[in-house]
Amino acid sequence: MHVFIHASVETPRTASLLSHRELAKALCNWTCRLVQQTLVSATITLLVPGYGKDDGLRNLVENVLAGSVPWYELARNLNADKDPLLIISPFDGHLSQARLHFFVRQLLELPPPGVACSTCKVDRNVNPHWLKSVPQNGWKNGITIVDWGQQDAACLRHFNANGAEEKNTVCGSQYLPDLYMKDRALFGITGESRQRATFINIPYAPEEDASLPLCYRFSLFNLHPEQKLAIEEGFTSAMSKSFDNTL
């Protein structure tokens, strides 16, 4: 398996994290150790600004994740027919040993060609269902899966799991439907052909993950990618050191 550790400088949230060099270096090093322990035979390529030199490949990966370039262009470029591809974006979403292990297991069970995207359960306190802003077509199998681009508060309608419009608002957080956001923390490809490709979303719930590092237990990734972060140096220093005690 080919693993690419990626970070996007196009989003203010990720750029804010990368600007703290101590934290960025600690997170990159920890992600490499995580991959080496979880996927022993995998090859690792760093596509993080300041840590990887192939800007052309990083831009291609970034465009595929953004949806502006089809996934099979990347698959053909990197020979996904021979080995599956895994893109890890530790600056864009939660990453842990448990999440990586589960995602890879699901990816390898996909008959090629296949594409797997990571989705992360949104904390109830920031669930946009409070704004009745989740689009009707987001419902599938009793849960909602949306992308950041679909989170539009101007859509003032609330729909239940059957797609029917509800007139009453939600009475409390315990009644909110489960919402999963496509966080792009993990993205996998098996095979190159675009014919009869299988697409799956792989869910993840941070509150159920005992292996989640301390840095990811804060609400950084509940904020929109376009939100610039103002982080104190003391916090980033403490978070950088916390990765030394993980794995």
C-alpha atoms as a PDB file:
ATOM      1  CA  MET A   1       0.000   0.000   0.000  1.00  0.00           C
ATOM      2  CA  HIS A   2       1.181   3.494  -0.872  1.00  0.00           C
ATOM      3  CA  VAL A   3       0.456   6.054   1.856  1.00  0.00           C
ATOM      4  CA  PHE A   4       0.537   9.797   1.248  1.00  0.00           C
ATOM      5  CA  ILE A   5       0.493  12.146   4.242  1.00  0.00           C
ATOM      6  CA  HIS A   6      -1.111  15.326   2.979  1.00  0.00           C
ATOM      7  CA  ALA A   7      -2.011  18.814   4.171  1.00  0.00           C
ATOM      8  CA  SER A   8      -3.879  21.535   2.312  1.00  0.00           C
ATOM      9  CA  VAL A   9      -2.601  25.093   2.544  1.00  0.00           C
ATOM     10  CA  GLU A  10      -5.722  26.293   0.739  1.00  0.00           C
ATOM     11  CA  THR A  11      -7.945  26.090   3.828  1.00  0.00           C
ATOM     12  CA  PRO A  12      -7.386  28.694   6.596  1.00  0.00           C
ATOM     13  CA  ARG A  13      -7.957  26.153   9.380  1.00  0.00           C
ATOM     14  CA  THR A  14      -5.201  23.828   8.149  1.00  0.00           C
ATOM     15  CA  ALA A  15      -2.902  26.721   7.280  1.00  0.00           C
ATOM     16  CA  SER A  16      -3.288  27.980  10.859  1.00  0.00           C
ATOM     17  CA  LEU A  17      -2.143  24.622  12.243  1.00  0.00           C
ATOM     18  CA  LEU A  18       0.781  24.402   9.804  1.00  0.00           C
ATOM     19  CA  SER A  19       1.974  27.868  10.837  1.00  0.00           C
ATOM     20  CA  HIS A  20       2.867  26.449  14.259  1.00  0.00           C
ATOM     21  CA  ARG A  21       6.035  24.641  13.210  1.00  0.00           C
ATOM     22  CA  GLU A  22       6.544  22.675  16.425  1.00  0.00           C
ATOM     23  CA  LEU A  23       3.027  21.233  16.287  1.00  0.00           C
ATOM     24  CA  ALA A  24       3.215  20.567  12.525  1.00  0.00           C
ATOM     25  CA  LYS A  25       6.482  18.662  12.890  1.00  0.00           C
ATOM     26  CA  ALA A  26       5.213  16.650  15.868  1.00  0.00           C
ATOM     27  CA  LEU A  27       1.993  15.723  14.041  1.00  0.00           C
ATOM     28  CA  CYS A  28       3.857  14.688  10.871  1.00  0.00           C
ATOM     29  CA  ASN A  29       6.309  12.536  12.830  1.00  0.00           C
ATOM     30  CA  TRP A  30       3.522  10.936  14.862  1.00  0.00           C
ATOM     31  CA  THR A  31       1.502  10.156  11.709  1.00  0.00           C
ATOM     32  CA  CYS A  32       4.532   8.464  10.152  1.00  0.00           C
ATOM     33  CA  ARG A  33       5.007   6.334  13.285  1.00  0.00           C
ATOM     34  CA  LEU A  34       1.304   5.479  13.279  1.00  0.00           C
ATOM     35  CA  VAL A  35       1.459   4.280   9.662  1.00  0.00           C
ATOM     36  CA  GLN A  36       4.650   2.294  10.276  1.00  0.00           C
ATOM     37  CA  GLN A  37       3.075   0.471  13.219  1.00  0.00           C
ATOM     38  CA  THR A  38      -0.330  -0.102  11.620  1.00  0.00           C
ATOM     39  CA  LEU A  39       0.720  -0.786   8.010  1.00  0.00           C
ATOM     40  CA  VAL A  40       4.120  -2.398   8.344  1.00  0.00           C
ATOM     41  CA  SER A  41       4.845  -2.877   4.628  1.00  0.00           C
ATOM     42  CA  ALA A  42       3.454   0.457   3.421  1.00  0.00           C
ATOM     43  CA  THR A  43       5.553   3.065   1.646  1.00  0.00           C
ATOM     44  CA  ILE A  44       5.161   6.635   2.944  1.00  0.00           C
ATOM     45  CA  THR A  45       5.368   9.878   0.978  1.00  0.00           C
ATOM     46  CA  LEU A  46       5.074  13.238   2.727  1.00  0.00           C
ATOM     47  CA  LEU A  47       3.006  15.835   0.856  1.00  0.00           C
ATOM     48  CA  VAL A  48       2.985  18.417   3.639  1.00  0.00           C
ATOM     49  CA  PRO A  49       4.293  21.920   2.822  1.00  0.00           C
ATOM     50  CA  GLY A  50       7.761  22.256   4.315  1.00  0.00           C
ATOM     51  CA  TYR A  51       8.165  18.480   4.701  1.00  0.00           C
ATOM     52  CA  GLY A  52       7.554  17.101   1.179  1.00  0.00           C
ATOM     53  CA  LYS A  53       9.092  18.293  -2.102  1.00  0.00           C
ATOM     54  CA  ASP A  54       6.642  17.044  -4.743  1.00  0.00           C
ATOM     55  CA  ASP A  55       4.333  20.054  -5.079  1.00  0.00           C
ATOM     56  CA  GLY A  56       2.897  18.716  -8.343  1.00  0.00           C
ATOM     57  CA  LEU A  57       1.694  15.509  -6.709  1.00  0.00           C
ATOM     58  CA  ARG A  58       0.444  17.420  -3.660  1.00  0.00           C
ATOM     59  CA  ASN A  59      -1.623  19.686  -5.900  1.00  0.00           C
ATOM     60  CA  LEU A  60      -3.052  16.676  -7.741  1.00  0.00           C
ATOM     61  CA  VAL A  61      -4.037  15.016  -4.453  1.00  0.00           C
ATOM     62  CA  GLU A  62      -5.541  18.275  -3.229  1.00  0.00           C
ATOM     63  CA  ASN A  63      -7.647  18.647  -6.365  1.00  0.00           C
ATOM     64  CA  VAL A  64      -8.882  15.060  -6.136  1.00  0.00           C
ATOM     65  CA  LEU A  65      -9.933  15.568  -2.511  1.00  0.00           C
ATOM     66  CA  ALA A  66     -11.683  18.806  -3.483  1.00  0.00           C
ATOM     67  CA  GLY A  67     -13.513  17.026  -6.310  1.00  0.00           C
ATOM     68  CA  SER A  68     -12.125  19.196  -9.113  1.00  0.00           C
ATOM     69  CA  VAL A  69     -10.109  16.274 -10.566  1.00  0.00           C
ATOM     70  CA  PRO A  70     -11.584  12.741 -10.882  1.00  0.00           C
ATOM     71  CA  TRP A  71     -10.146  10.098  -8.555  1.00  0.00           C
ATOM     72  CA  TYR A  72      -9.086   7.801 -11.402  1.00  0.00           C
ATOM     73  CA  GLU A  73      -6.598  10.394 -12.656  1.00  0.00           C
ATOM     74  CA  LEU A  74      -4.701  10.007  -9.392  1.00  0.00           C
ATOM     75  CA  ALA A  75      -5.165   6.209  -9.459  1.00  0.00           C
ATOM     76  CA  ARG A  76      -3.615   5.927 -12.917  1.00  0.00           C
ATOM     77  CA  ASN A  77      -0.821   8.336 -12.051  1.00  0.00           C
ATOM     78  CA  LEU A  78       0.175   6.222  -9.029  1.00  0.00           C
ATOM     79  CA  ASN A  79      -0.586   2.707 -10.347  1.00  0.00           C
ATOM     80  CA  ALA A  80      -3.437   1.871  -7.983  1.00  0.00           C
ATOM     81  CA  ASP A  81      -3.997  -1.377  -9.897  1.00  0.00           C
ATOM     82  CA  LYS A  82      -0.808  -2.724  -8.324  1.00  0.00           C
ATOM     83  CA  ASP A  83      -1.180  -1.339  -4.799  1.00  0.00           C
ATOM     84  CA  PRO A  84      -4.043   0.474  -3.038  1.00  0.00           C
ATOM     85  CA  LEU A  85      -3.567   4.174  -2.316  1.00  0.00           C
ATOM     86  CA  LEU A  86      -4.250   5.794   1.039  1.00  0.00           C
ATOM     87  CA  ILE A  87      -4.229   9.560   1.571  1.00  0.00           C
ATOM     88  CA  ILE A  88      -4.001  10.666   5.193  1.00  0.00           C
ATOM     89  CA  SER A  89      -4.711  14.299   6.077  1.00  0.00           C
ATOM     90  CA  PRO A  90      -3.925  14.577   9.824  1.00  0.00           C
ATOM     91  CA  PHE A  91      -4.405  18.369   9.748  1.00  0.00           C
ATOM     92  CA  ASP A  92      -7.929  18.081   8.336  1.00  0.00           C
ATOM     93  CA  GLY A  93      -9.630  15.586  10.657  1.00  0.00           C
ATOM     94  CA  HIS A  94      -9.343  13.164  13.554  1.00  0.00           C
ATOM     95  CA  LEU A  95      -6.701  10.459  13.268  1.00  0.00           C
ATOM     96  CA  SER A  96      -6.047   7.556  15.612  1.00  0.00           C
ATOM     97  CA  GLN A  97      -4.760   4.003  15.572  1.00  0.00           C
ATOM     98  CA  ALA A  98      -8.288   2.599  15.826  1.00  0.00           C
ATOM     99  CA  ARG A  99      -9.660   4.793  13.049  1.00  0.00           C
ATOM    100  CA  LEU A 100      -6.789   4.046  10.684  1.00  0.00           C
ATOM    101  CA  HIS A 101      -6.988   0.294  11.316  1.00  0.00           C
ATOM    102  CA  PHE A 102     -10.759   0.173  10.725  1.00  0.00           C
ATOM    103  CA  PHE A 103     -10.602   2.351   7.606  1.00  0.00           C
ATOM    104  CA  VAL A 104      -7.844   0.286   5.990  1.00  0.00           C
ATOM    105  CA  ARG A 105      -9.678  -2.958   6.737  1.00  0.00           C
ATOM    106  CA  GLN A 106     -12.806  -1.625   5.035  1.00  0.00           C
ATOM    107  CA  LEU A 107     -10.781  -0.287   2.086  1.00  0.00           C
ATOM    108  CA  LEU A 108      -9.038  -3.602   1.451  1.00  0.00           C
ATOM    109  CA  GLU A 109     -12.379  -5.423   1.468  1.00  0.00           C
ATOM    110  CA  LEU A 110     -13.562  -3.250  -1.445  1.00  0.00           C
ATOM    111  CA  PRO A 111     -13.499  -5.047  -4.803  1.00  0.00           C
ATOM    112  CA  PRO A 112     -11.425  -2.915  -7.189  1.00  0.00           C
ATOM    113  CA  PRO A 113     -12.061  -0.383  -8.464  1.00  0.00           C
ATOM    114  CA  GLY A 114     -13.259   1.242  -5.254  1.00  0.00           C
ATOM    115  CA  VAL A 115     -13.092   4.568  -3.459  1.00  0.00           C
ATOM    116  CA  ALA A 116     -13.462   5.023   0.312  1.00  0.00           C
ATOM    117  CA  CYS A 117     -14.041   8.361   2.067  1.00  0.00           C
ATOM    118  CA  SER A 118     -13.869   9.020   5.790  1.00  0.00           C
ATOM    119  CA  THR A 119     -16.829  10.544   7.623  1.00  0.00           C
ATOM    120  CA  CYS A 120     -16.743  11.793  11.211  1.00  0.00           C
ATOM    121  CA  LYS A 121     -19.673  12.006  13.602  1.00  0.00           C
ATOM    122  CA  VAL A 122     -20.436  15.614  14.530  1.00  0.00           C
ATOM    123  CA  ASP A 123     -20.726  16.447  18.209  1.00  0.00           C
ATOM    124  CA  ARG A 124     -24.336  17.104  19.202  1.00  0.00           C
ATOM    125  CA  ASN A 125     -23.499  20.538  20.586  1.00  0.00           C
ATOM    126  CA  VAL A 126     -22.406  21.752  17.139  1.00  0.00           C
ATOM    127  CA  ASN A 127     -24.780  19.640  15.059  1.00  0.00           C
ATOM    128  CA  PRO A 128     -26.238  21.961  12.369  1.00  0.00           C
ATOM    129  CA  HIS A 129     -29.595  20.206  12.759  1.00  0.00           C
ATOM    130  CA  TRP A 130     -30.083  22.889  15.423  1.00  0.00           C
ATOM    131  CA  LEU A 131     -30.274  25.321  12.502  1.00  0.00           C
ATOM    132  CA  LYS A 132     -32.452  22.951  10.477  1.00  0.00           C
ATOM    133  CA  SER A 133     -29.822  23.327   7.777  1.00  0.00           C
ATOM    134  CA  VAL A 134     -29.106  19.754   6.659  1.00  0.00           C
ATOM    135  CA  PRO A 135     -30.190  19.134   3.035  1.00  0.00           C
ATOM    136  CA  GLN A 136     -32.996  16.689   2.348  1.00  0.00           C
ATOM    137  CA  ASN A 137     -30.904  14.463   0.100  1.00  0.00           C
ATOM    138  CA  GLY A 138     -28.332  13.941   2.844  1.00  0.00           C
ATOM    139  CA  TRP A 139     -30.318  11.143   4.478  1.00  0.00           C
ATOM    140  CA  LYS A 140     -29.191   7.552   3.987  1.00  0.00           C
ATOM    141  CA  ASN A 141     -29.686   4.495   6.186  1.00  0.00           C
ATOM    142  CA  GLY A 142     -31.079   6.563   9.050  1.00  0.00           C
ATOM    143  CA  ILE A 143     -28.143   8.993   9.315  1.00  0.00           C
ATOM    144  CA  THR A 144     -27.072  12.121   7.490  1.00  0.00           C
ATOM    145  CA  ILE A 145     -23.767  12.359   5.615  1.00  0.00           C
ATOM    146  CA  VAL A 146     -22.821  15.784   4.264  1.00  0.00           C
ATOM    147  CA  ASP A 147     -19.804  17.698   3.038  1.00  0.00           C
ATOM    148  CA  TRP A 148     -18.740  21.058   4.457  1.00  0.00           C
ATOM    149  CA  GLY A 149     -19.973  22.686   1.268  1.00  0.00           C
ATOM    150  CA  GLN A 150     -23.520  21.465   1.977  1.00  0.00           C
ATOM    151  CA  GLN A 151     -23.710  23.031   5.438  1.00  0.00           C
ATOM    152  CA  ASP A 152     -25.876  25.981   4.445  1.00  0.00           C
ATOM    153  CA  ALA A 153     -27.872  27.681   7.199  1.00  0.00           C
ATOM    154  CA  ALA A 154     -30.045  29.355   4.568  1.00  0.00           C
ATOM    155  CA  CYS A 155     -31.831  26.031   4.004  1.00  0.00           C
ATOM    156  CA  LEU A 156     -34.350  26.387   6.840  1.00  0.00           C
ATOM    157  CA  ARG A 157     -36.074  23.022   6.671  1.00  0.00           C
ATOM    158  CA  HIS A 158     -35.828  19.979   8.864  1.00  0.00           C
ATOM    159  CA  PHE A 159     -36.310  16.517   7.394  1.00  0.00           C
ATOM    160  CA  ASN A 160     -36.652  13.183   9.148  1.00  0.00           C
ATOM    161  CA  ALA A 161     -34.992   9.925   8.130  1.00  0.00           C
ATOM    162  CA  ASN A 162     -37.725   9.205   5.578  1.00  0.00           C
ATOM    163  CA  GLY A 163     -37.194  12.546   3.845  1.00  0.00           C
ATOM    164  CA  ALA A 164     -40.507  13.978   5.078  1.00  0.00           C
ATOM    165  CA  GLU A 165     -40.529  17.576   6.266  1.00  0.00           C
ATOM    166  CA  GLU A 166     -41.130  18.001   9.990  1.00  0.00           C
ATOM    167  CA  LYS A 167     -42.974  21.031  11.316  1.00  0.00           C
ATOM    168  CA  ASN A 168     -41.693  20.825  14.891  1.00  0.00           C
ATOM    169  CA  THR A 169     -38.196  21.757  15.961  1.00  0.00           C
ATOM    170  CA  VAL A 170     -35.955  19.372  17.886  1.00  0.00           C
ATOM    171  CA  CYS A 171     -36.707  19.551  21.617  1.00  0.00           C
ATOM    172  CA  GLY A 172     -33.234  18.666  22.870  1.00  0.00           C
ATOM    173  CA  SER A 173     -29.804  17.423  21.788  1.00  0.00           C
ATOM    174  CA  GLN A 174     -30.715  13.843  22.739  1.00  0.00           C
ATOM    175  CA  TYR A 175     -33.279  13.847  19.922  1.00  0.00           C
ATOM    176  CA  LEU A 176     -30.950  15.090  17.188  1.00  0.00           C
ATOM    177  CA  PRO A 177     -30.358  12.633  14.324  1.00  0.00           C
ATOM    178  CA  ASP A 178     -26.785  11.394  13.874  1.00  0.00           C
ATOM    179  CA  LEU A 179     -24.817  13.592  11.496  1.00  0.00           C
ATOM    180  CA  TYR A 180     -21.558  12.592   9.811  1.00  0.00           C
ATOM    181  CA  MET A 181     -19.318  15.066   8.025  1.00  0.00           C
ATOM    182  CA  LYS A 182     -16.965  14.117   5.173  1.00  0.00           C
ATOM    183  CA  ASP A 183     -13.796  15.299   6.884  1.00  0.00           C
ATOM    184  CA  ARG A 184     -11.236  14.046   4.283  1.00  0.00           C
ATOM    185  CA  ALA A 185      -8.949  12.768   7.034  1.00  0.00           C
ATOM    186  CA  LEU A 186      -8.683   9.459   5.143  1.00  0.00           C
ATOM    187  CA  PHE A 187      -9.249   8.738   1.462  1.00  0.00           C
ATOM    188  CA  GLY A 188      -8.485   5.413  -0.202  1.00  0.00           C
ATOM    189  CA  ILE A 189      -8.461   4.017  -3.736  1.00  0.00           C
ATOM    190  CA  THR A 190      -8.206   0.444  -5.017  1.00  0.00           C
ATOM    191  CA  GLY A 191      -7.835  -0.122  -8.754  1.00  0.00           C
ATOM    192  CA  GLU A 192      -7.721   2.334 -11.643  1.00  0.00           C
ATOM    193  CA  SER A 193     -10.743   1.735 -13.877  1.00  0.00           C
ATOM    194  CA  ARG A 194     -13.671   4.112 -13.475  1.00  0.00           C
ATOM    195  CA  GLN A 195     -16.060   1.451 -14.783  1.00  0.00           C
ATOM    196  CA  ARG A 196     -18.389  -0.031 -12.127  1.00  0.00           C
ATOM    197  CA  ALA A 197     -16.455   1.599  -9.304  1.00  0.00           C
ATOM    198  CA  THR A 198     -17.762   1.170  -5.749  1.00  0.00           C
ATOM    199  CA  PHE A 199     -17.956   4.238  -3.485  1.00  0.00           C
ATOM    200  CA  ILE A 200     -18.315   3.955   0.288  1.00  0.00           C
ATOM    201  CA  ASN A 201     -18.331   6.354   3.244  1.00  0.00           C
ATOM    202  CA  ILE A 202     -16.659   4.918   6.333  1.00  0.00           C
ATOM    203  CA  PRO A 203     -18.118   6.310   9.580  1.00  0.00           C
ATOM    204  CA  TYR A 204     -16.181   7.201  12.715  1.00  0.00           C
ATOM    205  CA  ALA A 205     -17.283   8.426  16.160  1.00  0.00           C
ATOM    206  CA  PRO A 206     -14.516  10.230  18.128  1.00  0.00           C
ATOM    207  CA  GLU A 207     -16.302   9.872  21.479  1.00  0.00           C
ATOM    208  CA  GLU A 208     -16.072   6.074  21.178  1.00  0.00           C
ATOM    209  CA  ASP A 209     -12.334   6.009  20.408  1.00  0.00           C
ATOM    210  CA  ALA A 210     -10.085   5.349  23.411  1.00  0.00           C
ATOM    211  CA  SER A 211      -6.974   5.605  21.194  1.00  0.00           C
ATOM    212  CA  LEU A 212      -7.683   9.196  20.097  1.00  0.00           C
ATOM    213  CA  PRO A 213      -4.687  11.473  20.895  1.00  0.00           C
ATOM    214  CA  LEU A 214      -5.189  14.435  23.214  1.00  0.00           C
ATOM    215  CA  CYS A 215      -4.821  16.991  20.397  1.00  0.00           C
ATOM    216  CA  TYR A 216      -7.871  15.599  18.598  1.00  0.00           C
ATOM    217  CA  ARG A 217     -10.059  15.687  21.699  1.00  0.00           C
ATOM    218  CA  PHE A 218     -10.442  19.446  21.381  1.00  0.00           C
ATOM    219  CA  SER A 219     -13.031  21.016  19.078  1.00  0.00           C
ATOM    220  CA  LEU A 220     -10.600  22.224  16.402  1.00  0.00           C
ATOM    221  CA  PHE A 221     -12.155  20.086  13.686  1.00  0.00           C
ATOM    222  CA  ASN A 222     -15.723  21.029  14.538  1.00  0.00           C
ATOM    223  CA  LEU A 223     -14.884  24.416  13.030  1.00  0.00           C
ATOM    224  CA  HIS A 224     -15.373  25.012   9.321  1.00  0.00           C
ATOM    225  CA  PRO A 225     -12.203  24.568   7.172  1.00  0.00           C
ATOM    226  CA  GLU A 226     -12.561  28.212   6.116  1.00  0.00           C
ATOM    227  CA  GLN A 227     -12.276  29.305   9.764  1.00  0.00           C
ATOM    228  CA  LYS A 228      -8.839  30.646  10.633  1.00  0.00           C
ATOM    229  CA  LEU A 229      -7.644  29.510  14.057  1.00  0.00           C
ATOM    230  CA  ALA A 230      -6.106  31.727  16.729  1.00  0.00           C
ATOM    231  CA  ILE A 231      -4.065  29.337  18.882  1.00  0.00           C
ATOM    232  CA  GLU A 232      -1.864  30.224  21.833  1.00  0.00           C
ATOM    233  CA  GLU A 233       1.758  29.068  21.631  1.00  0.00           C
ATOM    234  CA  GLY A 234       1.437  27.430  25.046  1.00  0.00           C
ATOM    235  CA  PHE A 235      -1.349  25.208  23.705  1.00  0.00           C
ATOM    236  CA  THR A 236       0.572  24.134  20.597  1.00  0.00           C
ATOM    237  CA  SER A 237       3.676  23.397  22.672  1.00  0.00           C
ATOM    238  CA  ALA A 238       1.690  21.214  25.071  1.00  0.00           C
ATOM    239  CA  MET A 239      -0.035  19.411  22.191  1.00  0.00           C
ATOM    240  CA  SER A 240       3.310  18.825  20.459  1.00  0.00           C
ATOM    241  CA  LYS A 241       4.701  17.175  23.575  1.00  0.00           C
ATOM    242  CA  SER A 242       1.549  15.076  24.005  1.00  0.00           C
ATOM    243  CA  PHE A 243       2.365  13.114  20.837  1.00  0.00           C
ATOM    244  CA  ASP A 244       5.566  11.863  22.513  1.00  0.00           C
ATOM    245  CA  ASN A 245       3.407   9.831  24.908  1.00  0.00           C
ATOM    246  CA  THR A 246       1.259   8.314  22.144  1.00  0.00           C
ATOM    247  CA  LEU A 247       2.112   5.043  20.410  1.00  0.00           C
END
